[in-house]
C-alpha atoms as a PDB file:
ATOM      1  CA  UNK A   1       0.000   0.000   0.000  1.00  0.00           C
ATOM      2  CA  UNK A   2       2.255   2.794   1.256  1.00  0.00           C
ATOM      3  CA  UNK A   3       6.004   2.230   1.245  1.00  0.00           C
ATOM      4  CA  UNK A   4       7.197   1.487   4.801  1.00  0.00           C
ATOM      5  CA  UNK A   5       9.387   4.113   6.465  1.00  0.00           C
ATOM      6  CA  UNK A   6      11.961   1.498   7.458  1.00  0.00           C
ATOM      7  CA  UNK A   7      12.912  -1.931   6.162  1.00  0.00           C
ATOM      8  CA  UNK A   8      11.034  -4.635   8.058  1.00  0.00           C
ATOM      9  CA  UNK A   9      14.141  -6.788   8.463  1.00  0.00           C
ATOM     10  CA  UNK A  10      17.099  -4.499   9.138  1.00  0.00           C
ATOM     11  CA  UNK A  11      15.466  -1.185  10.051  1.00  0.00           C
ATOM     12  CA  UNK A  12      17.234   0.940   7.426  1.00  0.00           C
ATOM     13  CA  UNK A  13      15.210   4.044   6.427  1.00  0.00           C
ATOM     14  CA  UNK A  14      14.010   3.482   2.855  1.00  0.00           C
ATOM     15  CA  UNK A  15      10.888   5.606   2.405  1.00  0.00           C
ATOM     16  CA  UNK A  16      12.942   8.544   1.152  1.00  0.00           C
ATOM     17  CA  UNK A  17      14.368   6.423  -1.648  1.00  0.00           C
ATOM     18  CA  UNK A  18      11.021   5.316  -3.069  1.00  0.00           C
ATOM     19  CA  UNK A  19      10.267   8.441  -5.138  1.00  0.00           C
ATOM     20  CA  UNK A  20      13.750   8.475  -6.696  1.00  0.00           C
ATOM     21  CA  UNK A  21      13.553   4.749  -7.419  1.00  0.00           C
ATOM     22  CA  UNK A  22      10.090   4.977  -8.988  1.00  0.00           C
ATOM     23  CA  UNK A  23      11.014   8.014 -11.083  1.00  0.00           C
ATOM     24  CA  UNK A  24      14.196   6.503 -12.474  1.00  0.00           C
ATOM     25  CA  UNK A  25      12.718   3.074 -13.214  1.00  0.00           C
ATOM     26  CA  UNK A  26       9.740   4.798 -14.833  1.00  0.00           C
ATOM     27  CA  UNK A  27      12.155   6.430 -17.273  1.00  0.00           C
ATOM     28  CA  UNK A  28      13.401   2.986 -18.271  1.00  0.00           C
ATOM     29  CA  UNK A  29      16.530   2.566 -16.168  1.00  0.00           C
ATOM     30  CA  UNK A  30      17.387  -0.905 -14.947  1.00  0.00           C
ATOM     31  CA  UNK A  31      16.128  -1.402 -11.355  1.00  0.00           C
ATOM     32  CA  UNK A  32      19.300  -3.119 -10.156  1.00  0.00           C
ATOM     33  CA  UNK A  33      21.487  -0.260 -11.350  1.00  0.00           C
ATOM     34  CA  UNK A  34      19.186   2.308  -9.740  1.00  0.00           C
ATOM     35  CA  UNK A  35      19.365   0.473  -6.409  1.00  0.00           C
ATOM     36  CA  UNK A  36      23.160   0.332  -6.683  1.00  0.00           C
ATOM     37  CA  UNK A  37      23.297   4.085  -7.350  1.00  0.00           C
ATOM     38  CA  UNK A  38      21.013   4.756  -4.368  1.00  0.00           C
ATOM     39  CA  UNK A  39      23.366   2.663  -2.163  1.00  0.00           C
ATOM     40  CA  UNK A  40      20.745   0.036  -1.333  1.00  0.00           C
ATOM     41  CA  UNK A  41      23.036  -2.948  -0.726  1.00  0.00           C
ATOM     42  CA  UNK A  42      21.106  -5.275   1.570  1.00  0.00           C
ATOM     43  CA  UNK A  43      18.931  -7.856  -0.119  1.00  0.00           C
ATOM     44  CA  UNK A  44      16.057  -7.236   2.306  1.00  0.00           C
ATOM     45  CA  UNK A  45      15.846  -3.537   1.383  1.00  0.00           C
ATOM     46  CA  UNK A  46      16.265  -4.279  -2.325  1.00  0.00           C
ATOM     47  CA  UNK A  47      13.448  -6.822  -2.227  1.00  0.00           C
ATOM     48  CA  UNK A  48      11.175  -4.383  -0.421  1.00  0.00           C
ATOM     49  CA  UNK A  49      11.669  -1.682  -3.053  1.00  0.00           C
ATOM     50  CA  UNK A  50      11.521  -4.071  -6.017  1.00  0.00           C
ATOM     51  CA  UNK A  51       8.323  -5.804  -4.960  1.00  0.00           C
ATOM     52  CA  UNK A  52       6.364  -2.799  -3.671  1.00  0.00           C
ATOM     53  CA  UNK A  53       3.135  -2.056  -5.524  1.00  0.00           C
ATOM     54  CA  UNK A  54       1.239   1.222  -5.114  1.00  0.00           C
ATOM     55  CA  UNK A  55      -2.428   0.337  -4.649  1.00  0.00           C
ATOM     56  CA  UNK A  56      -3.544   3.259  -2.503  1.00  0.00           C
ATOM     57  CA  UNK A  57      -5.513   4.828  -5.370  1.00  0.00           C
ATOM     58  CA  UNK A  58      -7.417   1.596  -5.999  1.00  0.00           C
ATOM     59  CA  UNK A  59      -8.245   1.037  -2.333  1.00  0.00           C
ATOM     60  CA  UNK A  60      -9.203   4.666  -1.666  1.00  0.00           C
ATOM     61  CA  UNK A  61     -12.317   4.181  -3.824  1.00  0.00           C
ATOM     62  CA  UNK A  62     -13.753   1.845  -1.203  1.00  0.00           C
ATOM     63  CA  UNK A  63     -13.754   4.162   1.802  1.00  0.00           C
ATOM     64  CA  UNK A  64     -16.370   3.378   4.407  1.00  0.00           C
END
């Protein structure tokens, strides 16, 4: 839904990297290279950013 502020496994702050990651991969850059440039070295943080899916807009339609 919303990118977590910190990695669930190691606790590294990653929320600030999400916008840069999404912008650069949206322009067609390779995700692995972008993560390397952003200094995301741990596999737990990389997996969190690579597998995140923004679904807030879809869920917001179903407010109670």
